[in-house]
Structure formats: structure tokens, C-alpha cells
Amino acid sequence: MQWLASILDLPLQLEYAVTNLDEAQLDTPYRDGGWTVKQVVHHVADSHMNAFIRTKLALTELTTPTITPYNQDAWVELADCSNVPVNISLTLLHSLHRRWYELMKDLPESSWNLAVYHPQYKKEMTIWYILGLYAWHGQHHSAHINKLRERKGW
């Protein structure tokens, strides 16, 4: 299953994307008006922690639980996203993604359709959907950093 492999591989992919970048490079936005590289790395950790918890909620609640949305733009402005080195979030992602992979790798077929309800989007999100979304999400943000590196010749 490609998406599950992407979950397992993402931390290393993101780590490679930021390898040998200095502080000035880490503080460079990946596009005009966008987040800095450092903020992107911390955002991926924040976002994927939420997704991991949502997966566990879907697996353990008796009815489809309603999740709490969060303001990702406000989160990247908090002190932990500017004052903490990216290696902290990379280490977190290595651990988190290993646990997430272990949680999902042997799920019975019937569990993939368990869901959470997202009130902001007014839709149910199955575990299958969450897996696909976050497999894409990690690759998407790794690509942002890699494309910035290409443009800047880093």
C-alpha cells in the first residue's frame, strides 16, 4: 500500500529536504507570503500529530467523534515554531510516523471506514481518507522545500 509506505518514509524525506540548510535558509519563505522552511517543518509535525490522534479517535470511539479544528496559520506563529530547531520536529516525526504506521499496517478491512467528523468541512473523514490525505500532505510540503532549494541553488 503506497500511502502507508509514504507515512513511514516521510520523516526521512523531510529530513533530506532540510539537510545542510543554515538558519538564514531555514528562515526563508518557500514562496512569497508563505511560511518559512522552519515553519513548514513544524507545521508538518503539528498537522500529523493531529491526524494521528484523529486516527486513534476513529478507531476507539463508539460513534463517529467530532474533531476539533485548529488554526494552522496561528499555530506556526507560536514560539515553538520560531524558537525550536527543526531537528526537534524531525525527531518527533520519526517517532510519530513509526507509531502511526504500526497502528495502521495490520488494520482489518472493516476499520478503514471508521471515521471522524470534521465540523469545519462538514464531512466525515474515514481512516482511509486520512491516510491518503496525510501521505499527500507530507510529500506536498517536502516538495515545497525541495523546489525552494532548486530555485535558490542550495
N, C-alpha and C. Protein backbone atom coordinates (compact mmCIF):
# COMPACT_ATOMS: atom_id res chain seq x y z
N MET A 1 0.86 -1.18 0.00
CA MET A 1 0.00 0.00 0.00
C MET A 1 0.91 1.24 0.00
N GLN A 2 0.83 1.99 -1.08
CA GLN A 2 1.70 3.15 -1.30
C GLN A 2 1.54 4.23 -0.22
N TRP A 3 0.31 4.53 0.16
CA TRP A 3 0.09 5.60 1.14
C TRP A 3 0.72 5.25 2.49
N LEU A 4 0.61 4.00 2.89
CA LEU A 4 1.19 3.58 4.16
C LEU A 4 2.72 3.68 4.10
N ALA A 5 3.30 3.31 2.97
CA ALA A 5 4.76 3.46 2.80
C ALA A 5 5.15 4.93 2.87
N SER A 6 4.32 5.81 2.33
CA SER A 6 4.61 7.25 2.38
C SER A 6 4.62 7.76 3.81
N ILE A 7 3.72 7.24 4.64
CA ILE A 7 3.69 7.63 6.05
C ILE A 7 5.00 7.22 6.72
N LEU A 8 5.45 6.02 6.44
CA LEU A 8 6.69 5.53 7.04
C LEU A 8 7.91 6.30 6.54
N ASP A 9 7.90 6.68 5.27
CA ASP A 9 9.06 7.32 4.65
C ASP A 9 9.15 8.83 4.85
N LEU A 10 8.04 9.48 5.15
CA LEU A 10 8.02 10.94 5.18
C LEU A 10 9.08 11.57 6.09
N PRO A 11 9.27 11.12 7.32
CA PRO A 11 10.25 11.81 8.17
C PRO A 11 11.64 11.89 7.52
N LEU A 12 12.07 10.82 6.91
CA LEU A 12 13.38 10.83 6.26
C LEU A 12 13.37 11.74 5.04
N GLN A 13 12.28 11.72 4.29
CA GLN A 13 12.14 12.60 3.12
C GLN A 13 12.24 14.07 3.53
N LEU A 14 11.55 14.43 4.60
CA LEU A 14 11.58 15.81 5.09
C LEU A 14 12.96 16.15 5.65
N GLU A 15 13.57 15.19 6.33
CA GLU A 15 14.92 15.40 6.87
C GLU A 15 15.91 15.68 5.73
N TYR A 16 15.83 14.90 4.65
CA TYR A 16 16.69 15.13 3.50
C TYR A 16 16.44 16.51 2.89
N ALA A 17 15.18 16.94 2.89
CA ALA A 17 14.84 18.23 2.29
C ALA A 17 15.52 19.40 3.01
N VAL A 18 15.77 19.26 4.31
CA VAL A 18 16.36 20.37 5.07
C VAL A 18 17.85 20.14 5.41
N THR A 19 18.40 19.03 4.98
CA THR A 19 19.79 18.72 5.29
C THR A 19 20.71 19.84 4.81
N ASN A 20 21.60 20.25 5.70
CA ASN A 20 22.64 21.26 5.44
C ASN A 20 22.10 22.67 5.20
N LEU A 21 20.85 22.93 5.51
CA LEU A 21 20.36 24.32 5.42
C LEU A 21 20.78 25.07 6.68
N ASP A 22 21.26 26.30 6.51
CA ASP A 22 21.63 27.11 7.66
C ASP A 22 20.41 27.88 8.18
N GLU A 23 20.60 28.62 9.25
CA GLU A 23 19.47 29.34 9.87
C GLU A 23 18.81 30.33 8.92
N ALA A 24 19.60 31.04 8.13
CA ALA A 24 19.04 32.00 7.18
C ALA A 24 18.19 31.27 6.15
N GLN A 25 18.64 30.13 5.70
CA GLN A 25 17.87 29.35 4.72
C GLN A 25 16.60 28.79 5.36
N LEU A 26 16.71 28.33 6.59
CA LEU A 26 15.53 27.80 7.29
C LEU A 26 14.49 28.90 7.55
N ASP A 27 14.94 30.13 7.63
CA ASP A 27 14.04 31.26 7.86
C ASP A 27 13.56 31.90 6.55
N THR A 28 13.79 31.24 5.43
CA THR A 28 13.36 31.73 4.13
C THR A 28 11.98 31.17 3.80
N PRO A 29 11.04 32.02 3.41
CA PRO A 29 9.72 31.51 2.99
C PRO A 29 9.85 30.68 1.71
N TYR A 30 9.08 29.62 1.62
CA TYR A 30 9.16 28.75 0.43
C TYR A 30 8.50 29.39 -0.78
N ARG A 31 7.68 30.43 -0.55
CA ARG A 31 7.09 31.23 -1.63
C ARG A 31 6.76 32.60 -1.05
N ASP A 32 6.53 33.59 -1.91
CA ASP A 32 6.17 34.92 -1.43
C ASP A 32 4.93 34.85 -0.56
N GLY A 33 5.02 35.39 0.64
CA GLY A 33 3.90 35.38 1.57
C GLY A 33 3.67 34.05 2.24
N GLY A 34 4.52 33.08 1.99
CA GLY A 34 4.35 31.74 2.57
C GLY A 34 5.13 31.57 3.86
N TRP A 35 4.99 30.40 4.42
CA TRP A 35 5.72 30.07 5.64
C TRP A 35 7.20 29.88 5.33
N THR A 36 8.01 30.03 6.37
CA THR A 36 9.43 29.73 6.24
C THR A 36 9.62 28.21 6.21
N VAL A 37 10.79 27.78 5.78
CA VAL A 37 11.10 26.36 5.79
C VAL A 37 10.93 25.80 7.20
N LYS A 38 11.44 26.52 8.18
CA LYS A 38 11.31 26.08 9.57
C LYS A 38 9.84 25.92 9.97
N GLN A 39 9.02 26.89 9.60
CA GLN A 39 7.60 26.81 9.93
C GLN A 39 6.94 25.63 9.22
N VAL A 40 7.35 25.35 8.01
CA VAL A 40 6.78 24.21 7.27
C VAL A 40 7.08 22.91 8.01
N VAL A 41 8.32 22.74 8.45
CA VAL A 41 8.68 21.51 9.16
C VAL A 41 7.86 21.38 10.45
N HIS A 42 7.76 22.46 11.22
CA HIS A 42 6.98 22.40 12.45
C HIS A 42 5.50 22.20 12.16
N HIS A 43 5.01 22.81 11.08
CA HIS A 43 3.61 22.61 10.68
C HIS A 43 3.32 21.14 10.37
N VAL A 44 4.22 20.50 9.65
CA VAL A 44 4.01 19.08 9.33
C VAL A 44 3.91 18.27 10.62
N ALA A 45 4.77 18.54 11.57
CA ALA A 45 4.70 17.83 12.85
C ALA A 45 3.37 18.10 13.55
N ASP A 46 2.96 19.36 13.63
CA ASP A 46 1.68 19.70 14.27
C ASP A 46 0.51 19.02 13.57
N SER A 47 0.49 19.13 12.27
CA SER A 47 -0.60 18.59 11.48
C SER A 47 -0.69 17.07 11.60
N HIS A 48 0.45 16.42 11.54
CA HIS A 48 0.46 14.96 11.59
C HIS A 48 0.19 14.43 12.99
N MET A 49 0.55 15.19 14.02
CA MET A 49 0.13 14.79 15.37
C MET A 49 -1.39 14.81 15.47
N ASN A 50 -2.01 15.84 14.93
CA ASN A 50 -3.47 15.92 14.94
C ASN A 50 -4.07 14.75 14.17
N ALA A 51 -3.51 14.43 13.02
CA ALA A 51 -4.03 13.33 12.20
C ALA A 51 -3.89 11.99 12.91
N PHE A 52 -2.77 11.79 13.59
CA PHE A 52 -2.56 10.55 14.35
C PHE A 52 -3.63 10.41 15.44
N ILE A 53 -3.87 11.48 16.17
CA ILE A 53 -4.90 11.45 17.22
C ILE A 53 -6.28 11.21 16.62
N ARG A 54 -6.56 11.84 15.49
CA ARG A 54 -7.85 11.65 14.82
C ARG A 54 -8.02 10.20 14.39
N THR A 55 -6.94 9.58 13.93
CA THR A 55 -7.00 8.17 13.56
C THR A 55 -7.34 7.31 14.77
N LYS A 56 -6.69 7.60 15.88
CA LYS A 56 -6.95 6.82 17.10
C LYS A 56 -8.38 7.05 17.61
N LEU A 57 -8.86 8.28 17.48
CA LEU A 57 -10.25 8.55 17.87
C LEU A 57 -11.22 7.75 17.01
N ALA A 58 -10.98 7.72 15.72
CA ALA A 58 -11.85 6.96 14.82
C ALA A 58 -11.86 5.49 15.20
N LEU A 59 -10.71 4.97 15.62
CA LEU A 59 -10.60 3.56 15.96
C LEU A 59 -11.21 3.20 17.32
N THR A 60 -11.32 4.16 18.21
CA THR A 60 -11.68 3.81 19.59
C THR A 60 -13.02 4.33 20.09
N GLU A 61 -13.59 5.30 19.42
CA GLU A 61 -14.87 5.84 19.90
C GLU A 61 -16.02 4.99 19.38
N LEU A 62 -17.10 4.91 20.14
CA LEU A 62 -18.23 4.07 19.75
C LEU A 62 -19.04 4.68 18.61
N THR A 63 -19.06 5.99 18.56
CA THR A 63 -19.74 6.67 17.46
C THR A 63 -18.72 7.58 16.78
N THR A 64 -19.05 8.06 15.62
CA THR A 64 -18.14 8.93 14.87
C THR A 64 -17.90 10.21 15.67
N PRO A 65 -16.68 10.40 16.19
CA PRO A 65 -16.41 11.59 17.01
C PRO A 65 -16.24 12.85 16.15
N THR A 66 -16.66 13.96 16.72
CA THR A 66 -16.42 15.26 16.09
C THR A 66 -15.06 15.75 16.57
N ILE A 67 -14.20 16.09 15.62
CA ILE A 67 -12.86 16.56 15.97
C ILE A 67 -12.87 18.07 16.16
N THR A 68 -11.82 18.56 16.75
CA THR A 68 -11.65 20.00 16.93
C THR A 68 -10.69 20.52 15.86
N PRO A 69 -11.16 21.39 14.99
CA PRO A 69 -10.25 22.00 14.02
C PRO A 69 -9.27 22.93 14.75
N TYR A 70 -8.20 23.30 14.09
CA TYR A 70 -7.24 24.23 14.67
C TYR A 70 -6.79 25.21 13.59
N ASN A 71 -6.32 26.35 14.01
CA ASN A 71 -5.89 27.40 13.09
C ASN A 71 -4.40 27.22 12.80
N GLN A 72 -4.10 26.54 11.70
CA GLN A 72 -2.69 26.22 11.40
C GLN A 72 -1.85 27.46 11.18
N ASP A 73 -2.43 28.52 10.64
CA ASP A 73 -1.66 29.76 10.45
C ASP A 73 -1.28 30.39 11.79
N ALA A 74 -2.17 30.31 12.76
CA ALA A 74 -1.85 30.83 14.10
C ALA A 74 -0.83 29.93 14.80
N TRP A 75 -0.94 28.62 14.59
CA TRP A 75 -0.01 27.70 15.23
C TRP A 75 1.42 27.96 14.79
N VAL A 76 1.66 28.22 13.49
CA VAL A 76 3.05 28.42 13.04
C VAL A 76 3.64 29.72 13.52
N GLU A 77 2.80 30.61 14.06
CA GLU A 77 3.29 31.88 14.61
C GLU A 77 3.68 31.76 16.08
N LEU A 78 3.39 30.64 16.72
CA LEU A 78 3.71 30.46 18.14
C LEU A 78 5.21 30.24 18.32
N ALA A 79 5.67 30.49 19.54
CA ALA A 79 7.10 30.48 19.85
C ALA A 79 7.80 29.16 19.52
N ASP A 80 7.09 28.04 19.68
CA ASP A 80 7.75 26.76 19.41
C ASP A 80 8.11 26.60 17.94
N CYS A 81 7.45 27.31 17.07
CA CYS A 81 7.76 27.22 15.63
C CYS A 81 8.87 28.18 15.21
N SER A 82 9.19 29.12 16.06
CA SER A 82 10.29 30.03 15.71
C SER A 82 11.53 29.80 16.58
N ASN A 83 11.35 29.31 17.80
CA ASN A 83 12.46 29.18 18.74
C ASN A 83 13.05 27.78 18.83
N VAL A 84 12.38 26.80 18.27
CA VAL A 84 12.81 25.41 18.40
C VAL A 84 13.48 24.96 17.10
N PRO A 85 14.64 24.34 17.17
CA PRO A 85 15.29 23.86 15.94
C PRO A 85 14.44 22.82 15.22
N VAL A 86 14.58 22.75 13.91
CA VAL A 86 13.76 21.82 13.12
C VAL A 86 14.04 20.36 13.49
N ASN A 87 15.24 20.07 13.98
CA ASN A 87 15.53 18.67 14.31
C ASN A 87 14.62 18.13 15.41
N ILE A 88 14.07 19.01 16.24
CA ILE A 88 13.13 18.55 17.27
C ILE A 88 11.86 18.01 16.61
N SER A 89 11.32 18.74 15.64
CA SER A 89 10.13 18.26 14.94
C SER A 89 10.45 17.07 14.05
N LEU A 90 11.64 17.02 13.48
CA LEU A 90 12.01 15.86 12.67
C LEU A 90 12.09 14.60 13.53
N THR A 91 12.68 14.72 14.72
CA THR A 91 12.74 13.58 15.63
C THR A 91 11.34 13.15 16.04
N LEU A 92 10.49 14.13 16.33
CA LEU A 92 9.10 13.84 16.68
C LEU A 92 8.42 13.09 15.52
N LEU A 93 8.63 13.55 14.29
CA LEU A 93 8.00 12.91 13.13
C LEU A 93 8.49 11.47 12.94
N HIS A 94 9.77 11.22 13.17
CA HIS A 94 10.27 9.85 13.07
C HIS A 94 9.52 8.94 14.04
N SER A 95 9.38 9.37 15.26
CA SER A 95 8.67 8.57 16.27
C SER A 95 7.19 8.46 15.97
N LEU A 96 6.57 9.58 15.67
CA LEU A 96 5.14 9.62 15.41
C LEU A 96 4.77 8.75 14.21
N HIS A 97 5.51 8.89 13.14
CA HIS A 97 5.18 8.14 11.93
C HIS A 97 5.42 6.65 12.09
N ARG A 98 6.39 6.27 12.89
CA ARG A 98 6.58 4.84 13.17
C ARG A 98 5.37 4.29 13.93
N ARG A 99 4.91 5.04 14.92
CA ARG A 99 3.72 4.61 15.68
C ARG A 99 2.49 4.58 14.79
N TRP A 100 2.33 5.59 13.95
CA TRP A 100 1.18 5.68 13.06
C TRP A 100 1.17 4.50 12.08
N TYR A 101 2.33 4.21 11.53
CA TYR A 101 2.48 3.07 10.62
C TYR A 101 2.10 1.78 11.34
N GLU A 102 2.64 1.57 12.52
CA GLU A 102 2.34 0.35 13.29
C GLU A 102 0.85 0.24 13.60
N LEU A 103 0.23 1.38 13.88
CA LEU A 103 -1.20 1.41 14.17
C LEU A 103 -2.01 0.94 12.96
N MET A 104 -1.61 1.34 11.77
CA MET A 104 -2.43 1.10 10.59
C MET A 104 -2.04 -0.12 9.76
N LYS A 105 -0.81 -0.59 9.87
CA LYS A 105 -0.33 -1.61 8.92
C LYS A 105 -1.13 -2.91 8.94
N ASP A 106 -1.70 -3.28 10.04
CA ASP A 106 -2.46 -4.53 10.12
C ASP A 106 -3.93 -4.31 10.43
N LEU A 107 -4.44 -3.12 10.11
CA LEU A 107 -5.85 -2.86 10.38
C LEU A 107 -6.73 -3.82 9.58
N PRO A 108 -7.76 -4.34 10.21
CA PRO A 108 -8.70 -5.15 9.43
C PRO A 108 -9.45 -4.27 8.43
N GLU A 109 -9.87 -4.87 7.35
CA GLU A 109 -10.58 -4.15 6.28
C GLU A 109 -11.73 -3.30 6.83
N SER A 110 -12.43 -3.82 7.82
CA SER A 110 -13.60 -3.12 8.36
C SER A 110 -13.24 -1.82 9.07
N SER A 111 -12.01 -1.68 9.54
CA SER A 111 -11.61 -0.49 10.28
C SER A 111 -11.33 0.71 9.39
N TRP A 112 -10.99 0.47 8.12
CA TRP A 112 -10.62 1.57 7.23
C TRP A 112 -11.75 2.55 6.99
N ASN A 113 -13.00 2.12 7.21
CA ASN A 113 -14.14 3.02 7.00
C ASN A 113 -14.62 3.68 8.28
N LEU A 114 -13.96 3.43 9.40
CA LEU A 114 -14.27 4.17 10.61
C LEU A 114 -13.87 5.62 10.37
N ALA A 115 -14.56 6.56 11.02
CA ALA A 115 -14.38 7.96 10.64
C ALA A 115 -14.46 8.90 11.83
N VAL A 116 -14.00 10.12 11.56
CA VAL A 116 -14.21 11.26 12.44
C VAL A 116 -15.01 12.28 11.63
N TYR A 117 -15.68 13.16 12.33
CA TYR A 117 -16.43 14.22 11.65
C TYR A 117 -15.67 15.52 11.80
N HIS A 118 -15.43 16.19 10.67
CA HIS A 118 -14.72 17.47 10.66
C HIS A 118 -15.74 18.58 10.51
N PRO A 119 -16.02 19.34 11.59
CA PRO A 119 -17.08 20.35 11.53
C PRO A 119 -16.77 21.53 10.60
N GLN A 120 -15.51 21.85 10.42
CA GLN A 120 -15.15 22.96 9.53
C GLN A 120 -15.52 22.62 8.07
N TYR A 121 -15.28 21.37 7.68
CA TYR A 121 -15.57 20.94 6.31
C TYR A 121 -16.93 20.25 6.19
N LYS A 122 -17.58 20.05 7.34
CA LYS A 122 -18.89 19.41 7.40
C LYS A 122 -18.91 18.06 6.67
N LYS A 123 -17.91 17.24 7.00
CA LYS A 123 -17.82 15.93 6.37
C LYS A 123 -17.16 14.92 7.29
N GLU A 124 -17.51 13.67 7.05
CA GLU A 124 -16.83 12.58 7.73
C GLU A 124 -15.55 12.25 6.98
N MET A 125 -14.52 11.95 7.75
CA MET A 125 -13.23 11.58 7.18
C MET A 125 -12.88 10.18 7.68
N THR A 126 -12.88 9.21 6.78
CA THR A 126 -12.54 7.84 7.17
C THR A 126 -11.04 7.73 7.41
N ILE A 127 -10.65 6.65 8.04
CA ILE A 127 -9.22 6.40 8.25
C ILE A 127 -8.53 6.29 6.89
N TRP A 128 -9.18 5.68 5.94
CA TRP A 128 -8.63 5.57 4.59
C TRP A 128 -8.37 6.96 4.00
N TYR A 129 -9.34 7.86 4.15
CA TYR A 129 -9.20 9.22 3.66
C TYR A 129 -8.06 9.95 4.37
N ILE A 130 -8.00 9.81 5.69
CA ILE A 130 -6.94 10.46 6.49
C ILE A 130 -5.57 9.97 6.02
N LEU A 131 -5.44 8.67 5.81
CA LEU A 131 -4.17 8.12 5.35
C LEU A 131 -3.76 8.74 4.02
N GLY A 132 -4.66 8.79 3.07
CA GLY A 132 -4.35 9.37 1.76
C GLY A 132 -4.03 10.84 1.84
N LEU A 133 -4.80 11.56 2.63
CA LEU A 133 -4.60 12.99 2.77
C LEU A 133 -3.22 13.31 3.34
N TYR A 134 -2.83 12.59 4.38
CA TYR A 134 -1.56 12.91 5.04
C TYR A 134 -0.35 12.29 4.33
N ALA A 135 -0.55 11.24 3.56
CA ALA A 135 0.53 10.76 2.69
C ALA A 135 0.83 11.86 1.67
N TRP A 136 -0.23 12.43 1.09
CA TRP A 136 -0.06 13.54 0.14
C TRP A 136 0.53 14.77 0.84
N HIS A 137 0.01 15.10 2.02
CA HIS A 137 0.41 16.31 2.74
C HIS A 137 1.91 16.36 2.99
N GLY A 138 2.47 15.27 3.45
CA GLY A 138 3.90 15.23 3.72
C GLY A 138 4.73 15.40 2.45
N GLN A 139 4.32 14.73 1.39
CA GLN A 139 5.04 14.86 0.11
C GLN A 139 4.91 16.28 -0.43
N HIS A 140 3.74 16.86 -0.28
CA HIS A 140 3.47 18.22 -0.74
C HIS A 140 4.43 19.23 -0.08
N HIS A 141 4.58 19.15 1.23
CA HIS A 141 5.44 20.09 1.93
C HIS A 141 6.93 19.79 1.71
N SER A 142 7.29 18.53 1.58
CA SER A 142 8.67 18.21 1.22
C SER A 142 9.01 18.80 -0.14
N ALA A 143 8.07 18.73 -1.07
CA ALA A 143 8.28 19.30 -2.40
C ALA A 143 8.43 20.81 -2.35
N HIS A 144 7.67 21.48 -1.46
CA HIS A 144 7.84 22.93 -1.31
C HIS A 144 9.29 23.27 -0.98
N ILE A 145 9.86 22.55 -0.04
CA ILE A 145 11.23 22.82 0.40
C ILE A 145 12.22 22.48 -0.71
N ASN A 146 12.03 21.34 -1.35
CA ASN A 146 12.95 20.93 -2.42
C ASN A 146 12.90 21.88 -3.61
N LYS A 147 11.73 22.38 -3.94
CA LYS A 147 11.62 23.33 -5.05
C LYS A 147 12.28 24.67 -4.68
N LEU A 148 12.15 25.08 -3.43
CA LEU A 148 12.84 26.29 -2.97
C LEU A 148 14.34 26.10 -3.11
N ARG A 149 14.84 24.95 -2.70
CA ARG A 149 16.28 24.66 -2.81
C ARG A 149 16.73 24.74 -4.26
N GLU A 150 15.94 24.20 -5.16
CA GLU A 150 16.27 24.26 -6.59
C GLU A 150 16.31 25.71 -7.08
N ARG A 151 15.28 26.47 -6.74
CA ARG A 151 15.21 27.86 -7.19
C ARG A 151 16.38 28.68 -6.68
N LYS A 152 16.78 28.42 -5.43
CA LYS A 152 17.84 29.21 -4.80
C LYS A 152 19.24 28.63 -5.07
N GLY A 153 19.29 27.45 -5.64
CA GLY A 153 20.59 26.82 -5.89
C GLY A 153 21.27 26.34 -4.63
N TRP A 154 20.49 25.92 -3.65
CA TRP A 154 21.05 25.43 -2.38
C TRP A 154 21.41 23.97 -2.53
